[in-house]
Amino acid sequence: MLELRHLKTLHALREADSLVEAAERLHLTQSALSHQFKELEERLGMPLFVRKTKPVRFTSAGLRLLQLADSVLPQLRGAERDLARLAGGTAGRLHMAIECHSCFQWLMPTIDQFRDAWPEVELDLASGFSFAPLPALARGDLDLVVTSDPIDLAGITYVPLFTYEALLAVANQHPLASRPFVTPEDLESETLITYPIERDRLDIFTRFLEPADVEPAQVRTSELTVMMMQLVASGRGVCALPNWALHEYSSRGYVTARRLGEKGLYCTLHAAIRADMLDAPFMRDFLLTAKDTSFATLEGVSAAR
């Protein structure tokens, strides 16, 4: 009656919070996923979740199966790791760099889980702010780069991790705090606070201000997110950050988050990997762990678009 795919789809629905996003995560069409749920519910003779609710509301039967999924799926992953070790490929190297100051929030738990599962893999992490990590990846100096700015390089594959929305943080008393969204022209008189990296690696410039031919009044840099938030809260400027990085500050009322543009500014975070490393068992497991950790810990992320 029950199959592993049923547990995986229920788990995906809980994490994605909608049929559309769950289907994207599972690489299925929405109709195929709906049919799969309908078929299972007909077998069981009871519904598993309430349709057209957001967040998704599960029935008692659905919650029981999710409890089973939480128990079985980690065991399945562990068995797959053990089999991969038995088949070889337990040793290797995973040297990575990140081009995202805010990524440590989900990357460190991912690395901790990975280190426990693959103790024989040599693991190293570097910040990608003081050098160009993608060329280093192509040369073989690195094995994986976390980036939101993929560039076409021979032999490099980009695996999407998740999509997020970039938001503008402003002081609670700032005039923009009462607006439903911010336009590029609104920033002409503002001090824009950014991380100390090149402008061509910042979406607020490349995808929001520059297409509108707008320049902020001033640009100020800070290496620490918490310092940026203190500057914003005290009215010293505004800054753009991923929704998950802003959530802990805006949810506590320290700053106000506003959408960039009427339709929002959405970005996708990728794992850049050399093509020859894609089939390594430990690399596949790292990518799965990274996605699972991201959806479990980050507020406001969705399946990569």
C-alpha atoms as a PDB file:
ATOM      1  CA  MET A   1       0.000   0.000   0.000  1.00  0.00           C
ATOM      2  CA  LEU A   2       2.777   2.434   0.927  1.00  0.00           C
ATOM      3  CA  GLU A   3       5.873   3.094  -1.153  1.00  0.00           C
ATOM      4  CA  LEU A   4       8.957   5.177  -0.495  1.00  0.00           C
ATOM      5  CA  ARG A   5       7.906   7.639  -3.196  1.00  0.00           C
ATOM      6  CA  HIS A   6       4.766   8.390  -1.173  1.00  0.00           C
ATOM      7  CA  LEU A   7       6.824   9.298   1.876  1.00  0.00           C
ATOM      8  CA  LYS A   8       9.170  11.418  -0.228  1.00  0.00           C
ATOM      9  CA  THR A   9       6.323  13.348  -1.839  1.00  0.00           C
ATOM     10  CA  LEU A  10       4.630  14.025   1.507  1.00  0.00           C
ATOM     11  CA  HIS A  11       7.949  15.174   2.939  1.00  0.00           C
ATOM     12  CA  ALA A  12       8.480  17.462  -0.060  1.00  0.00           C
ATOM     13  CA  LEU A  13       4.979  18.917   0.296  1.00  0.00           C
ATOM     14  CA  ARG A  14       5.606  19.789   3.936  1.00  0.00           C
ATOM     15  CA  GLU A  15       8.952  21.427   3.142  1.00  0.00           C
ATOM     16  CA  ALA A  16       7.786  23.295   0.024  1.00  0.00           C
ATOM     17  CA  ASP A  17       4.408  24.273   1.502  1.00  0.00           C
ATOM     18  CA  SER A  18       2.541  24.072  -1.826  1.00  0.00           C
ATOM     19  CA  LEU A  19       1.841  21.494  -4.525  1.00  0.00           C
ATOM     20  CA  VAL A  20       3.505  23.667  -7.165  1.00  0.00           C
ATOM     21  CA  GLU A  21       6.801  24.007  -5.284  1.00  0.00           C
ATOM     22  CA  ALA A  22       6.752  20.370  -4.142  1.00  0.00           C
ATOM     23  CA  ALA A  23       6.347  19.251  -7.762  1.00  0.00           C
ATOM     24  CA  GLU A  24       9.313  21.436  -8.758  1.00  0.00           C
ATOM     25  CA  ARG A  25      11.492  19.935  -6.046  1.00  0.00           C
ATOM     26  CA  LEU A  26      10.566  16.419  -7.157  1.00  0.00           C
ATOM     27  CA  HIS A  27      10.949  17.239 -10.875  1.00  0.00           C
ATOM     28  CA  LEU A  28       7.311  16.342 -11.521  1.00  0.00           C
ATOM     29  CA  THR A  29       4.425  18.236 -13.045  1.00  0.00           C
ATOM     30  CA  GLN A  30       1.797  19.514 -10.642  1.00  0.00           C
ATOM     31  CA  SER A  31      -0.822  17.276 -12.260  1.00  0.00           C
ATOM     32  CA  ALA A  32       1.397  14.194 -11.870  1.00  0.00           C
ATOM     33  CA  LEU A  33       1.952  14.974  -8.189  1.00  0.00           C
ATOM     34  CA  SER A  34      -1.758  15.600  -7.607  1.00  0.00           C
ATOM     35  CA  HIS A  35      -2.569  12.287  -9.297  1.00  0.00           C
ATOM     36  CA  GLN A  36      -0.066  10.497  -7.071  1.00  0.00           C
ATOM     37  CA  PHE A  37      -1.666  11.929  -3.921  1.00  0.00           C
ATOM     38  CA  LYS A  38      -5.165  11.137  -5.165  1.00  0.00           C
ATOM     39  CA  GLU A  39      -4.177   7.554  -5.921  1.00  0.00           C
ATOM     40  CA  LEU A  40      -2.682   7.095  -2.449  1.00  0.00           C
ATOM     41  CA  GLU A  41      -5.690   8.669  -0.741  1.00  0.00           C
ATOM     42  CA  GLU A  42      -8.002   6.323  -2.652  1.00  0.00           C
ATOM     43  CA  ARG A  43      -5.925   3.352  -1.483  1.00  0.00           C
ATOM     44  CA  LEU A  44      -6.069   4.540   2.120  1.00  0.00           C
ATOM     45  CA  GLY A  45      -9.684   5.659   1.967  1.00  0.00           C
ATOM     46  CA  MET A  46      -8.968   9.007   3.617  1.00  0.00           C
ATOM     47  CA  PRO A  47      -7.462  12.415   2.712  1.00  0.00           C
ATOM     48  CA  LEU A  48      -3.892  13.272   3.660  1.00  0.00           C
ATOM     49  CA  PHE A  49      -4.082  17.073   3.571  1.00  0.00           C
ATOM     50  CA  VAL A  50      -6.622  19.845   3.122  1.00  0.00           C
ATOM     51  CA  ARG A  51      -6.593  21.283  -0.388  1.00  0.00           C
ATOM     52  CA  LYS A  52      -6.126  24.992  -1.067  1.00  0.00           C
ATOM     53  CA  THR A  53      -4.665  25.827   2.333  1.00  0.00           C
ATOM     54  CA  LYS A  54      -1.448  27.788   2.862  1.00  0.00           C
ATOM     55  CA  PRO A  55       0.479  26.756   4.775  1.00  0.00           C
ATOM     56  CA  VAL A  56      -0.511  23.197   3.900  1.00  0.00           C
ATOM     57  CA  ARG A  57      -2.689  21.651   6.633  1.00  0.00           C
ATOM     58  CA  PHE A  58      -2.264  17.892   7.000  1.00  0.00           C
ATOM     59  CA  THR A  59      -4.928  15.514   8.295  1.00  0.00           C
ATOM     60  CA  SER A  60      -4.263  13.024  11.081  1.00  0.00           C
ATOM     61  CA  ALA A  61      -3.452  10.410   8.446  1.00  0.00           C
ATOM     62  CA  GLY A  62      -1.043  12.770   6.708  1.00  0.00           C
ATOM     63  CA  LEU A  63       0.687  13.637   9.978  1.00  0.00           C
ATOM     64  CA  ARG A  64       1.114   9.935  10.791  1.00  0.00           C
ATOM     65  CA  LEU A  65       2.755   9.304   7.423  1.00  0.00           C
ATOM     66  CA  LEU A  66       5.004  12.334   7.905  1.00  0.00           C
ATOM     67  CA  GLN A  67       6.068  10.864  11.228  1.00  0.00           C
ATOM     68  CA  LEU A  68       6.954   7.677   9.364  1.00  0.00           C
ATOM     69  CA  ALA A  69       8.812   9.651   6.691  1.00  0.00           C
ATOM     70  CA  ASP A  70      10.878  11.454   9.344  1.00  0.00           C
ATOM     71  CA  SER A  71      11.920   8.061  10.679  1.00  0.00           C
ATOM     72  CA  VAL A  72      12.435   6.122   7.447  1.00  0.00           C
ATOM     73  CA  LEU A  73      13.965   8.638   5.033  1.00  0.00           C
ATOM     74  CA  PRO A  74      17.054   9.436   7.163  1.00  0.00           C
ATOM     75  CA  GLN A  75      17.616   5.677   7.584  1.00  0.00           C
ATOM     76  CA  LEU A  76      17.336   5.254   3.827  1.00  0.00           C
ATOM     77  CA  ARG A  77      19.873   8.024   3.257  1.00  0.00           C
ATOM     78  CA  GLY A  78      22.230   6.396   5.754  1.00  0.00           C
ATOM     79  CA  ALA A  79      21.894   3.018   4.031  1.00  0.00           C
ATOM     80  CA  GLU A  80      22.625   4.613   0.663  1.00  0.00           C
ATOM     81  CA  ARG A  81      25.764   6.197   2.118  1.00  0.00           C
ATOM     82  CA  ASP A  82      26.901   2.860   3.515  1.00  0.00           C
ATOM     83  CA  LEU A  83      26.324   1.170   0.159  1.00  0.00           C
ATOM     84  CA  ALA A  84      28.272   3.906  -1.586  1.00  0.00           C
ATOM     85  CA  ARG A  85      31.164   3.271   0.780  1.00  0.00           C
ATOM     86  CA  LEU A  86      31.010  -0.451   0.114  1.00  0.00           C
ATOM     87  CA  ALA A  87      31.076   0.228  -3.624  1.00  0.00           C
ATOM     88  CA  GLY A  88      34.077   2.513  -3.220  1.00  0.00           C
ATOM     89  CA  GLY A  89      34.295   6.267  -3.500  1.00  0.00           C
ATOM     90  CA  THR A  90      34.447   6.900   0.232  1.00  0.00           C
ATOM     91  CA  ALA A  91      37.616   8.943   0.068  1.00  0.00           C
ATOM     92  CA  GLY A  92      38.024  12.156  -1.829  1.00  0.00           C
ATOM     93  CA  ARG A  93      38.382  15.896  -1.533  1.00  0.00           C
ATOM     94  CA  LEU A  94      35.743  18.576  -1.221  1.00  0.00           C
ATOM     95  CA  HIS A  95      37.317  22.021  -1.165  1.00  0.00           C
ATOM     96  CA  MET A  96      34.683  24.715  -1.518  1.00  0.00           C
ATOM     97  CA  ALA A  97      34.265  28.472  -1.533  1.00  0.00           C
ATOM     98  CA  ILE A  98      31.213  30.664  -1.101  1.00  0.00           C
ATOM     99  CA  GLU A  99      30.292  33.952  -2.771  1.00  0.00           C
ATOM    100  CA  CYS A 100      27.574  34.713  -0.247  1.00  0.00           C
ATOM    101  CA  HIS A 101      28.174  36.384   3.118  1.00  0.00           C
ATOM    102  CA  SER A 102      24.824  35.150   4.423  1.00  0.00           C
ATOM    103  CA  CYS A 103      25.289  31.510   3.428  1.00  0.00           C
ATOM    104  CA  PHE A 104      27.045  30.441   6.618  1.00  0.00           C
ATOM    105  CA  GLN A 105      23.639  30.242   8.324  1.00  0.00           C
ATOM    106  CA  TRP A 106      22.701  27.074   6.406  1.00  0.00           C
ATOM    107  CA  LEU A 107      26.078  25.934   5.093  1.00  0.00           C
ATOM    108  CA  MET A 108      27.664  25.236   8.475  1.00  0.00           C
ATOM    109  CA  PRO A 109      24.919  22.772   9.577  1.00  0.00           C
ATOM    110  CA  THR A 110      25.238  21.138   6.149  1.00  0.00           C
ATOM    111  CA  ILE A 111      28.987  20.753   6.573  1.00  0.00           C
ATOM    112  CA  ASP A 112      28.556  19.330  10.083  1.00  0.00           C
ATOM    113  CA  GLN A 113      26.165  16.637   8.808  1.00  0.00           C
ATOM    114  CA  PHE A 114      28.383  15.893   5.838  1.00  0.00           C
ATOM    115  CA  ARG A 115      31.512  15.555   7.967  1.00  0.00           C
ATOM    116  CA  ASP A 116      29.775  12.996  10.183  1.00  0.00           C
ATOM    117  CA  ALA A 117      28.556  10.999   7.170  1.00  0.00           C
ATOM    118  CA  TRP A 118      31.794  11.151   5.122  1.00  0.00           C
ATOM    119  CA  PRO A 119      34.695  11.307   7.608  1.00  0.00           C
ATOM    120  CA  GLU A 120      37.216  10.135   5.001  1.00  0.00           C
ATOM    121  CA  VAL A 121      36.523  13.015   2.611  1.00  0.00           C
ATOM    122  CA  GLU A 122      39.002  15.878   2.992  1.00  0.00           C
ATOM    123  CA  LEU A 123      36.852  18.961   3.599  1.00  0.00           C
ATOM    124  CA  ASP A 124      37.923  22.590   3.420  1.00  0.00           C
ATOM    125  CA  LEU A 125      35.993  25.868   3.222  1.00  0.00           C
ATOM    126  CA  ALA A 126      37.226  29.245   2.021  1.00  0.00           C
ATOM    127  CA  SER A 127      35.563  32.607   1.570  1.00  0.00           C
ATOM    128  CA  GLY A 128      35.297  33.646  -2.073  1.00  0.00           C
ATOM    129  CA  PHE A 129      35.544  37.366  -1.357  1.00  0.00           C
ATOM    130  CA  SER A 130      39.291  37.843  -1.700  1.00  0.00           C
ATOM    131  CA  PHE A 131      39.748  35.907  -4.966  1.00  0.00           C
ATOM    132  CA  ALA A 132      37.791  34.740  -8.013  1.00  0.00           C
ATOM    133  CA  PRO A 133      36.476  31.296  -6.994  1.00  0.00           C
ATOM    134  CA  LEU A 134      34.904  30.186 -10.287  1.00  0.00           C
ATOM    135  CA  PRO A 135      38.187  30.342 -12.265  1.00  0.00           C
ATOM    136  CA  ALA A 136      39.813  28.511  -9.326  1.00  0.00           C
ATOM    137  CA  LEU A 137      37.123  25.841  -9.655  1.00  0.00           C
ATOM    138  CA  ALA A 138      37.807  25.483 -13.390  1.00  0.00           C
ATOM    139  CA  ARG A 139      41.543  25.110 -12.662  1.00  0.00           C
ATOM    140  CA  GLY A 140      40.872  22.341 -10.142  1.00  0.00           C
ATOM    141  CA  ASP A 141      41.941  24.330  -7.083  1.00  0.00           C
ATOM    142  CA  LEU A 142      38.372  24.044  -5.762  1.00  0.00           C
ATOM    143  CA  ASP A 143      35.689  21.358  -6.060  1.00  0.00           C
ATOM    144  CA  LEU A 144      32.515  23.360  -5.382  1.00  0.00           C
ATOM    145  CA  VAL A 145      31.525  27.034  -5.328  1.00  0.00           C
ATOM    146  CA  VAL A 146      28.270  28.396  -3.892  1.00  0.00           C
ATOM    147  CA  THR A 147      27.231  31.313  -6.100  1.00  0.00           C
ATOM    148  CA  SER A 148      24.220  33.288  -7.292  1.00  0.00           C
ATOM    149  CA  ASP A 149      26.067  34.527 -10.395  1.00  0.00           C
ATOM    150  CA  PRO A 150      26.751  31.591 -12.739  1.00  0.00           C
ATOM    151  CA  ILE A 151      29.018  32.319 -15.676  1.00  0.00           C
ATOM    152  CA  ASP A 152      29.590  30.079 -18.654  1.00  0.00           C
ATOM    153  CA  LEU A 153      32.802  28.113 -18.088  1.00  0.00           C
ATOM    154  CA  ALA A 154      33.887  24.979 -19.924  1.00  0.00           C
ATOM    155  CA  GLY A 155      33.512  21.866 -17.789  1.00  0.00           C
ATOM    156  CA  ILE A 156      31.496  23.598 -15.037  1.00  0.00           C
ATOM    157  CA  THR A 157      27.929  22.529 -14.170  1.00  0.00           C
ATOM    158  CA  TYR A 158      25.562  24.629 -12.064  1.00  0.00           C
ATOM    159  CA  VAL A 159      23.164  22.759  -9.781  1.00  0.00           C
ATOM    160  CA  PRO A 160      20.360  25.024  -8.474  1.00  0.00           C
ATOM    161  CA  LEU A 161      19.926  24.832  -4.706  1.00  0.00           C
ATOM    162  CA  PHE A 162      17.000  27.155  -4.008  1.00  0.00           C
ATOM    163  CA  THR A 163      15.378  30.450  -4.991  1.00  0.00           C
ATOM    164  CA  TYR A 164      15.095  33.384  -2.608  1.00  0.00           C
ATOM    165  CA  GLU A 165      13.879  36.968  -2.704  1.00  0.00           C
ATOM    166  CA  ALA A 166      16.247  39.886  -2.117  1.00  0.00           C
ATOM    167  CA  LEU A 167      14.632  42.527   0.105  1.00  0.00           C
ATOM    168  CA  LEU A 168      15.580  46.047   1.154  1.00  0.00           C
ATOM    169  CA  ALA A 169      16.092  46.693   4.862  1.00  0.00           C
ATOM    170  CA  VAL A 170      15.176  50.190   6.063  1.00  0.00           C
ATOM    171  CA  ALA A 171      14.789  51.782   9.485  1.00  0.00           C
ATOM    172  CA  ASN A 172      11.308  51.419  10.981  1.00  0.00           C
ATOM    173  CA  GLN A 173      10.865  55.205  10.888  1.00  0.00           C
ATOM    174  CA  HIS A 174      12.139  55.545   7.297  1.00  0.00           C
ATOM    175  CA  PRO A 175       9.625  56.954   4.748  1.00  0.00           C
ATOM    176  CA  LEU A 176      10.151  53.839   2.585  1.00  0.00           C
ATOM    177  CA  ALA A 177       8.907  51.652   5.446  1.00  0.00           C
ATOM    178  CA  SER A 178       5.338  52.703   4.629  1.00  0.00           C
ATOM    179  CA  ARG A 179       5.663  51.800   0.927  1.00  0.00           C
ATOM    180  CA  PRO A 180       4.506  48.400  -0.387  1.00  0.00           C
ATOM    181  CA  PHE A 181       7.645  48.192  -2.552  1.00  0.00           C
ATOM    182  CA  VAL A 182      10.736  50.214  -3.464  1.00  0.00           C
ATOM    183  CA  THR A 183      11.643  51.568  -6.904  1.00  0.00           C
ATOM    184  CA  PRO A 184      15.215  52.174  -8.123  1.00  0.00           C
ATOM    185  CA  GLU A 185      14.580  55.934  -8.082  1.00  0.00           C
ATOM    186  CA  ASP A 186      13.775  55.738  -4.363  1.00  0.00           C
ATOM    187  CA  LEU A 187      17.443  54.939  -3.708  1.00  0.00           C
ATOM    188  CA  GLU A 188      18.884  57.988  -5.496  1.00  0.00           C
ATOM    189  CA  SER A 189      19.017  59.902  -2.206  1.00  0.00           C
ATOM    190  CA  GLU A 190      20.014  56.944  -0.024  1.00  0.00           C
ATOM    191  CA  THR A 191      23.244  55.568   1.414  1.00  0.00           C
ATOM    192  CA  LEU A 192      23.381  51.960   0.246  1.00  0.00           C
ATOM    193  CA  ILE A 193      25.208  49.601   2.608  1.00  0.00           C
ATOM    194  CA  THR A 194      26.745  46.534   0.947  1.00  0.00           C
ATOM    195  CA  TYR A 195      29.269  43.827   1.624  1.00  0.00           C
ATOM    196  CA  PRO A 196      32.812  44.777   0.503  1.00  0.00           C
ATOM    197  CA  ILE A 197      32.710  43.016  -2.878  1.00  0.00           C
ATOM    198  CA  GLU A 198      32.657  44.181  -6.483  1.00  0.00           C
ATOM    199  CA  ARG A 199      29.477  45.839  -7.731  1.00  0.00           C
ATOM    200  CA  ASP A 200      29.171  43.353 -10.591  1.00  0.00           C
ATOM    201  CA  ARG A 201      28.615  40.617  -7.988  1.00  0.00           C
ATOM    202  CA  LEU A 202      25.783  42.442  -6.207  1.00  0.00           C
ATOM    203  CA  ASP A 203      22.247  41.917  -7.543  1.00  0.00           C
ATOM    204  CA  ILE A 204      21.047  45.235  -6.114  1.00  0.00           C
ATOM    205  CA  PHE A 205      23.310  46.923  -8.676  1.00  0.00           C
ATOM    206  CA  THR A 206      23.307  44.532 -11.641  1.00  0.00           C
ATOM    207  CA  ARG A 207      19.599  43.656 -11.623  1.00  0.00           C
ATOM    208  CA  PHE A 208      17.897  46.613  -9.938  1.00  0.00           C
ATOM    209  CA  LEU A 209      19.765  49.929 -10.056  1.00  0.00           C
ATOM    210  CA  GLU A 210      21.896  49.710 -13.211  1.00  0.00           C
ATOM    211  CA  PRO A 211      19.055  48.633 -15.572  1.00  0.00           C
ATOM    212  CA  ALA A 212      17.221  51.786 -14.436  1.00  0.00           C
ATOM    213  CA  ASP A 213      20.407  53.899 -14.751  1.00  0.00           C
ATOM    214  CA  VAL A 214      20.177  54.859 -11.085  1.00  0.00           C
ATOM    215  CA  GLU A 215      23.062  55.492  -8.687  1.00  0.00           C
ATOM    216  CA  PRO A 216      22.608  55.734  -4.894  1.00  0.00           C
ATOM    217  CA  ALA A 217      23.763  58.937  -3.202  1.00  0.00           C
ATOM    218  CA  GLN A 218      26.488  57.031  -1.340  1.00  0.00           C
ATOM    219  CA  VAL A 219      27.787  53.479  -0.955  1.00  0.00           C
ATOM    220  CA  ARG A 220      29.091  52.211   2.375  1.00  0.00           C
ATOM    221  CA  THR A 221      30.475  48.739   3.078  1.00  0.00           C
ATOM    222  CA  SER A 222      30.421  46.407   6.058  1.00  0.00           C
ATOM    223  CA  GLU A 223      31.631  42.819   6.385  1.00  0.00           C
ATOM    224  CA  LEU A 224      29.159  41.804   9.118  1.00  0.00           C
ATOM    225  CA  THR A 225      25.414  41.415   8.621  1.00  0.00           C
ATOM    226  CA  VAL A 226      24.710  42.381  12.245  1.00  0.00           C
ATOM    227  CA  MET A 227      26.678  45.617  11.778  1.00  0.00           C
ATOM    228  CA  MET A 228      24.721  46.380   8.611  1.00  0.00           C
ATOM    229  CA  MET A 229      21.485  45.932  10.545  1.00  0.00           C
ATOM    230  CA  GLN A 230      22.682  48.260  13.301  1.00  0.00           C
ATOM    231  CA  LEU A 231      23.514  50.929  10.718  1.00  0.00           C
ATOM    232  CA  VAL A 232      20.136  50.516   9.039  1.00  0.00           C
ATOM    233  CA  ALA A 233      18.210  50.578  12.329  1.00  0.00           C
ATOM    234  CA  SER A 234      19.961  53.822  13.337  1.00  0.00           C
ATOM    235  CA  GLY A 235      19.066  55.499  10.037  1.00  0.00           C
ATOM    236  CA  ARG A 236      22.574  55.468   8.563  1.00  0.00           C
ATOM    237  CA  GLY A 237      21.517  53.804   5.318  1.00  0.00           C
ATOM    238  CA  VAL A 238      19.613  50.966   3.673  1.00  0.00           C
ATOM    239  CA  CYS A 239      20.783  47.563   2.477  1.00  0.00           C
ATOM    240  CA  ALA A 240      19.604  44.646   0.331  1.00  0.00           C
ATOM    241  CA  LEU A 241      19.846  41.118   1.735  1.00  0.00           C
ATOM    242  CA  PRO A 242      18.300  37.694   1.083  1.00  0.00           C
ATOM    243  CA  ASN A 243      14.927  37.274   2.766  1.00  0.00           C
ATOM    244  CA  TRP A 244      16.263  34.521   5.046  1.00  0.00           C
ATOM    245  CA  ALA A 245      19.121  36.740   6.283  1.00  0.00           C
ATOM    246  CA  LEU A 246      16.737  39.625   7.014  1.00  0.00           C
ATOM    247  CA  HIS A 247      14.039  37.532   8.655  1.00  0.00           C
ATOM    248  CA  GLU A 248      15.597  37.271  12.122  1.00  0.00           C
ATOM    249  CA  TYR A 249      15.936  41.072  12.289  1.00  0.00           C
ATOM    250  CA  SER A 250      12.648  42.125  10.674  1.00  0.00           C
ATOM    251  CA  SER A 251      10.631  39.513  12.619  1.00  0.00           C
ATOM    252  CA  ARG A 252      11.894  41.039  15.877  1.00  0.00           C
ATOM    253  CA  GLY A 253      11.006  44.551  14.760  1.00  0.00           C
ATOM    254  CA  TYR A 254      14.597  45.813  14.520  1.00  0.00           C
ATOM    255  CA  VAL A 255      14.207  46.890  10.865  1.00  0.00           C
ATOM    256  CA  THR A 256      11.533  46.861   8.157  1.00  0.00           C
ATOM    257  CA  ALA A 257      11.899  44.754   4.996  1.00  0.00           C
ATOM    258  CA  ARG A 258      10.477  45.987   1.695  1.00  0.00           C
ATOM    259  CA  ARG A 259      10.194  44.347  -1.723  1.00  0.00           C
ATOM    260  CA  LEU A 260      12.526  45.564  -4.483  1.00  0.00           C
ATOM    261  CA  GLY A 261      10.218  46.472  -7.349  1.00  0.00           C
ATOM    262  CA  GLU A 262       6.541  45.699  -7.653  1.00  0.00           C
ATOM    263  CA  LYS A 263       7.183  42.073  -8.660  1.00  0.00           C
ATOM    264  CA  GLY A 264      10.157  41.530  -6.371  1.00  0.00           C
ATOM    265  CA  LEU A 265      13.782  40.658  -7.069  1.00  0.00           C
ATOM    266  CA  TYR A 266      14.281  36.886  -7.056  1.00  0.00           C
ATOM    267  CA  CYS A 267      17.645  35.128  -7.208  1.00  0.00           C
ATOM    268  CA  THR A 268      18.743  31.504  -7.354  1.00  0.00           C
ATOM    269  CA  LEU A 269      21.667  30.107  -5.425  1.00  0.00           C
ATOM    270  CA  HIS A 270      23.706  27.483  -7.291  1.00  0.00           C
ATOM    271  CA  ALA A 271      26.391  24.961  -6.512  1.00  0.00           C
ATOM    272  CA  ALA A 272      29.033  25.187  -9.236  1.00  0.00           C
ATOM    273  CA  ILE A 273      30.789  21.852  -9.736  1.00  0.00           C
ATOM    274  CA  ARG A 274      33.249  20.454 -12.253  1.00  0.00           C
ATOM    275  CA  ALA A 275      31.470  17.983 -14.516  1.00  0.00           C
ATOM    276  CA  ASP A 276      33.864  15.174 -13.583  1.00  0.00           C
ATOM    277  CA  MET A 277      32.808  15.470  -9.911  1.00  0.00           C
ATOM    278  CA  LEU A 278      29.052  15.290 -10.404  1.00  0.00           C
ATOM    279  CA  ASP A 279      28.820  11.508 -10.104  1.00  0.00           C
ATOM    280  CA  ALA A 280      30.992  11.204  -6.996  1.00  0.00           C
ATOM    281  CA  PRO A 281      28.766   9.647  -4.275  1.00  0.00           C
ATOM    282  CA  PHE A 282      29.914  12.114  -1.619  1.00  0.00           C
ATOM    283  CA  MET A 283      29.227  15.082  -3.929  1.00  0.00           C
ATOM    284  CA  ARG A 284      25.680  13.893  -4.668  1.00  0.00           C
ATOM    285  CA  ASP A 285      25.081  13.419  -0.947  1.00  0.00           C
ATOM    286  CA  PHE A 286      26.459  16.876  -0.129  1.00  0.00           C
ATOM    287  CA  LEU A 287      24.059  18.492  -2.610  1.00  0.00           C
ATOM    288  CA  LEU A 288      21.074  16.578  -1.188  1.00  0.00           C
ATOM    289  CA  THR A 289      22.075  17.487   2.359  1.00  0.00           C
ATOM    290  CA  ALA A 290      22.526  21.151   1.382  1.00  0.00           C
ATOM    291  CA  LYS A 291      19.048  21.302  -0.152  1.00  0.00           C
ATOM    292  CA  ASP A 292      17.410  19.515   2.791  1.00  0.00           C
ATOM    293  CA  THR A 293      19.136  21.767   5.315  1.00  0.00           C
ATOM    294  CA  SER A 294      18.242  24.930   3.400  1.00  0.00           C
ATOM    295  CA  PHE A 295      14.543  24.133   3.208  1.00  0.00           C
ATOM    296  CA  ALA A 296      14.496  23.032   6.839  1.00  0.00           C
ATOM    297  CA  THR A 297      16.285  26.071   8.303  1.00  0.00           C
ATOM    298  CA  LEU A 298      15.778  29.085   6.019  1.00  0.00           C
ATOM    299  CA  GLU A 299      12.689  31.277   6.023  1.00  0.00           C
ATOM    300  CA  GLY A 300      11.172  32.162   2.662  1.00  0.00           C
ATOM    301  CA  VAL A 301      13.197  29.990   0.266  1.00  0.00           C
ATOM    302  CA  SER A 302      11.537  27.965  -2.476  1.00  0.00           C
ATOM    303  CA  ALA A 303      12.403  25.350  -5.059  1.00  0.00           C
ATOM    304  CA  ALA A 304      14.804  26.720  -7.661  1.00  0.00           C
ATOM    305  CA  ARG A 305      12.952  28.360 -10.542  1.00  0.00           C
END
